[in-house]
Every structure is written in C-alpha cells, then in structure tokens.
N, C-alpha and C. Protein backbone atom coordinates (compact mmCIF):
# COMPACT_ATOMS: atom_id res chain seq x y z
N UNK A 1 9.87 -54.96 9.30
CA UNK A 1 10.03 -53.93 8.28
C UNK A 1 11.45 -53.98 7.73
N UNK A 2 11.55 -53.58 6.49
CA UNK A 2 12.87 -53.57 5.89
C UNK A 2 13.61 -52.28 6.23
N UNK A 3 14.92 -52.30 6.03
CA UNK A 3 15.75 -51.13 6.33
C UNK A 3 15.37 -49.93 5.47
N UNK A 4 15.02 -50.18 4.24
CA UNK A 4 14.66 -49.09 3.33
C UNK A 4 13.46 -48.31 3.80
N UNK A 5 12.47 -49.01 4.32
CA UNK A 5 11.25 -48.34 4.80
C UNK A 5 11.56 -47.52 6.04
N UNK A 6 12.35 -48.06 6.96
CA UNK A 6 12.71 -47.33 8.18
C UNK A 6 13.50 -46.08 7.84
N UNK A 7 14.45 -46.19 6.93
CA UNK A 7 15.24 -45.02 6.52
C UNK A 7 14.35 -43.97 5.87
N UNK A 8 13.42 -44.41 5.03
CA UNK A 8 12.51 -43.48 4.38
C UNK A 8 11.62 -42.79 5.43
N UNK A 9 11.13 -43.54 6.41
CA UNK A 9 10.29 -42.94 7.45
C UNK A 9 11.06 -41.91 8.27
N UNK A 10 12.30 -42.20 8.59
CA UNK A 10 13.13 -41.25 9.33
C UNK A 10 13.38 -40.00 8.50
N UNK A 11 13.67 -40.17 7.22
CA UNK A 11 13.93 -39.02 6.35
C UNK A 11 12.68 -38.15 6.21
N UNK A 12 11.53 -38.77 5.99
CA UNK A 12 10.29 -37.99 5.83
C UNK A 12 9.94 -37.27 7.12
N UNK A 13 10.08 -37.93 8.26
CA UNK A 13 9.74 -37.28 9.53
C UNK A 13 10.70 -36.14 9.84
N UNK A 14 11.98 -36.30 9.50
CA UNK A 14 12.95 -35.22 9.69
C UNK A 14 12.61 -34.04 8.79
N UNK A 15 12.25 -34.31 7.55
CA UNK A 15 11.88 -33.25 6.61
C UNK A 15 10.65 -32.49 7.10
N UNK A 16 9.63 -33.21 7.54
CA UNK A 16 8.42 -32.55 8.03
C UNK A 16 8.69 -31.76 9.31
N UNK A 17 9.54 -32.28 10.17
CA UNK A 17 9.92 -31.55 11.38
C UNK A 17 10.65 -30.26 11.04
N UNK A 18 11.54 -30.32 10.05
CA UNK A 18 12.26 -29.12 9.64
C UNK A 18 11.31 -28.08 9.06
N UNK A 19 10.34 -28.52 8.28
CA UNK A 19 9.34 -27.59 7.73
C UNK A 19 8.56 -26.93 8.87
N UNK A 20 8.16 -27.71 9.86
CA UNK A 20 7.44 -27.15 11.01
C UNK A 20 8.28 -26.16 11.78
N UNK A 21 9.56 -26.47 11.98
CA UNK A 21 10.45 -25.55 12.69
C UNK A 21 10.63 -24.26 11.91
N UNK A 22 10.83 -24.35 10.61
CA UNK A 22 10.97 -23.15 9.79
C UNK A 22 9.69 -22.30 9.81
N UNK A 23 8.54 -22.95 9.78
CA UNK A 23 7.27 -22.20 9.85
C UNK A 23 7.14 -21.48 11.19
N UNK A 24 7.52 -22.14 12.26
CA UNK A 24 7.46 -21.51 13.58
C UNK A 24 8.40 -20.32 13.66
N UNK A 25 9.63 -20.48 13.19
CA UNK A 25 10.59 -19.38 13.22
C UNK A 25 10.12 -18.21 12.36
N UNK A 26 9.55 -18.50 11.20
CA UNK A 26 9.03 -17.44 10.35
C UNK A 26 7.90 -16.69 11.06
N UNK A 27 7.00 -17.43 11.70
CA UNK A 27 5.86 -16.81 12.37
C UNK A 27 6.32 -15.93 13.53
N UNK A 28 7.29 -16.38 14.29
CA UNK A 28 7.79 -15.57 15.40
C UNK A 28 8.50 -14.33 14.89
N UNK A 29 9.28 -14.50 13.85
CA UNK A 29 10.06 -13.38 13.32
C UNK A 29 9.19 -12.30 12.69
N UNK A 30 8.09 -12.69 12.05
CA UNK A 30 7.23 -11.70 11.40
C UNK A 30 6.14 -11.17 12.32
N UNK A 31 6.13 -11.61 13.58
CA UNK A 31 5.18 -11.06 14.54
C UNK A 31 3.79 -11.65 14.46
N UNK A 32 3.65 -12.87 13.99
CA UNK A 32 2.34 -13.49 13.87
C UNK A 32 1.69 -13.75 15.23
N UNK A 33 2.47 -13.80 16.29
CA UNK A 33 1.93 -14.10 17.62
C UNK A 33 1.72 -12.85 18.46
N UNK A 34 1.98 -11.67 17.90
CA UNK A 34 1.73 -10.43 18.62
C UNK A 34 0.24 -10.18 18.72
N UNK A 35 -0.19 -9.73 19.88
CA UNK A 35 -1.62 -9.51 20.12
C UNK A 35 -1.93 -8.03 19.95
N UNK A 36 -2.27 -7.64 18.73
CA UNK A 36 -2.56 -6.23 18.46
C UNK A 36 -3.94 -5.81 18.96
N UNK A 37 -4.87 -6.72 19.03
CA UNK A 37 -6.22 -6.35 19.46
C UNK A 37 -6.26 -5.98 20.94
N UNK A 38 -5.29 -6.44 21.72
CA UNK A 38 -5.27 -6.11 23.15
C UNK A 38 -5.14 -4.61 23.34
N UNK A 39 -4.39 -3.95 22.48
CA UNK A 39 -4.14 -2.52 22.65
C UNK A 39 -5.17 -1.65 21.95
N UNK A 40 -6.00 -2.26 21.14
CA UNK A 40 -7.07 -1.50 20.48
C UNK A 40 -8.17 -1.18 21.49
N UNK A 41 -8.47 -2.13 22.34
CA UNK A 41 -9.52 -1.93 23.34
C UNK A 41 -8.94 -1.30 24.60
N UNK A 42 -8.63 -0.03 24.51
CA UNK A 42 -7.97 0.67 25.62
C UNK A 42 -8.88 0.81 26.83
N UNK A 43 -10.17 0.75 26.64
CA UNK A 43 -11.10 0.89 27.75
C UNK A 43 -10.96 -0.29 28.72
N UNK A 44 -10.81 -1.47 28.17
CA UNK A 44 -10.70 -2.65 29.03
C UNK A 44 -9.29 -2.81 29.60
N UNK A 45 -8.31 -2.21 28.96
CA UNK A 45 -6.92 -2.39 29.38
C UNK A 45 -6.31 -1.03 29.67
N UNK A 46 -6.68 -0.44 30.77
CA UNK A 46 -6.18 0.90 31.04
C UNK A 46 -5.35 0.98 32.32
N UNK A 47 -4.87 -0.16 32.83
CA UNK A 47 -4.00 -0.04 34.00
C UNK A 47 -2.57 0.25 33.54
N UNK A 48 -1.70 0.56 34.47
CA UNK A 48 -0.35 1.02 34.15
C UNK A 48 0.49 -0.06 33.46
N UNK A 49 0.35 -1.29 33.88
CA UNK A 49 1.13 -2.38 33.29
C UNK A 49 0.78 -2.58 31.81
N UNK A 50 -0.50 -2.53 31.49
CA UNK A 50 -0.91 -2.69 30.10
C UNK A 50 -0.47 -1.51 29.24
N UNK A 51 -0.48 -0.32 29.81
CA UNK A 51 0.00 0.83 29.06
C UNK A 51 1.50 0.73 28.78
N UNK A 52 2.25 0.21 29.75
CA UNK A 52 3.68 0.00 29.53
C UNK A 52 3.91 -1.06 28.46
N UNK A 53 3.07 -2.10 28.45
CA UNK A 53 3.16 -3.11 27.39
C UNK A 53 2.90 -2.50 26.02
N UNK A 54 1.94 -1.60 25.95
CA UNK A 54 1.62 -0.95 24.68
C UNK A 54 2.79 -0.09 24.20
N UNK A 55 3.42 0.62 25.11
CA UNK A 55 4.57 1.44 24.74
C UNK A 55 5.72 0.56 24.26
N UNK A 56 5.96 -0.54 24.96
CA UNK A 56 7.03 -1.45 24.57
C UNK A 56 6.74 -2.06 23.21
N UNK A 57 5.50 -2.43 22.94
CA UNK A 57 5.12 -2.99 21.65
C UNK A 57 5.33 -1.97 20.53
N UNK A 58 4.99 -0.72 20.78
CA UNK A 58 5.18 0.33 19.79
C UNK A 58 6.66 0.54 19.51
N UNK A 59 7.49 0.50 20.54
CA UNK A 59 8.94 0.64 20.35
C UNK A 59 9.49 -0.52 19.53
N UNK A 60 8.97 -1.72 19.77
CA UNK A 60 9.40 -2.89 18.99
C UNK A 60 9.05 -2.71 17.52
N UNK A 61 7.84 -2.23 17.26
CA UNK A 61 7.41 -2.01 15.87
C UNK A 61 8.31 -0.99 15.17
N UNK A 62 8.60 0.12 15.88
CA UNK A 62 9.45 1.16 15.30
C UNK A 62 10.85 0.63 15.05
N UNK A 63 11.40 -0.15 15.98
CA UNK A 63 12.73 -0.71 15.81
C UNK A 63 12.75 -1.69 14.64
N UNK A 64 11.69 -2.47 14.50
CA UNK A 64 11.62 -3.42 13.38
C UNK A 64 11.56 -2.68 12.05
N UNK A 65 10.78 -1.60 12.01
CA UNK A 65 10.69 -0.82 10.77
C UNK A 65 12.03 -0.19 10.42
N UNK A 66 12.74 0.34 11.43
CA UNK A 66 14.04 0.94 11.18
C UNK A 66 15.04 -0.11 10.70
N UNK A 67 14.98 -1.28 11.31
CA UNK A 67 15.87 -2.37 10.91
C UNK A 67 15.58 -2.80 9.48
N UNK A 68 14.29 -2.87 9.16
CA UNK A 68 13.88 -3.28 7.83
C UNK A 68 14.33 -2.25 6.79
N UNK A 69 14.19 -0.97 7.12
CA UNK A 69 14.60 0.10 6.20
C UNK A 69 16.12 0.14 6.06
N UNK A 70 16.82 -0.16 7.13
CA UNK A 70 18.28 -0.12 7.12
C UNK A 70 18.85 -1.20 6.22
N UNK A 71 18.20 -2.35 6.16
CA UNK A 71 18.70 -3.46 5.36
C UNK A 71 18.22 -3.41 3.91
N UNK A 72 17.49 -2.38 3.54
CA UNK A 72 16.97 -2.28 2.18
C UNK A 72 18.09 -1.93 1.22
N UNK A 73 18.16 -2.66 0.13
CA UNK A 73 19.13 -2.37 -0.92
C UNK A 73 18.40 -2.31 -2.26
N UNK A 74 18.50 -1.19 -2.96
CA UNK A 74 17.81 -1.11 -4.25
C UNK A 74 18.47 -2.02 -5.27
N UNK A 75 17.70 -2.40 -6.27
CA UNK A 75 18.22 -3.23 -7.33
C UNK A 75 19.23 -2.47 -8.16
N UNK A 76 20.26 -3.16 -8.63
CA UNK A 76 21.28 -2.51 -9.47
C UNK A 76 20.85 -2.44 -10.91
C-alpha cells in the first residue's frame, strides 16, 4: 500500500473514533443510560436498596434541572 492510503485510513479511523467518543459523552451527559422504568414498577422493586436508588435518582434529576436553570442566559 502507498503512504497516502495509510495516512487516509488513519485519518478516517481517528475521525470516526472521535465521533463515537463524542456520541458516548453526549449520551452519558444527557442521561440516555438512566433506567427510568425500574422505578415505575414499584411493586417489583420495593426493597430498601431500590428505594434509596430511586431517591438518589430523583436528587440527581433535581440537581440537573437546577444546574440547567442556573446556566440559562436570555438572548440580548
């Protein structure tokens, strides 16, 4: 293979890897991996540990909303 093809392959794979990393970071930051259905079915999840998880998740949501509201700036 020529040098040009190898350089192009490295550049394309680096670009695609960066896109994948950015997508993962976005998904984690926006809560795409949070399991909201676990807390909807309270009948199946009614032990103390699961209830503490639900309280912690609610606190995280409230903190995220406060943080989001705090960083809001109206248009000039």
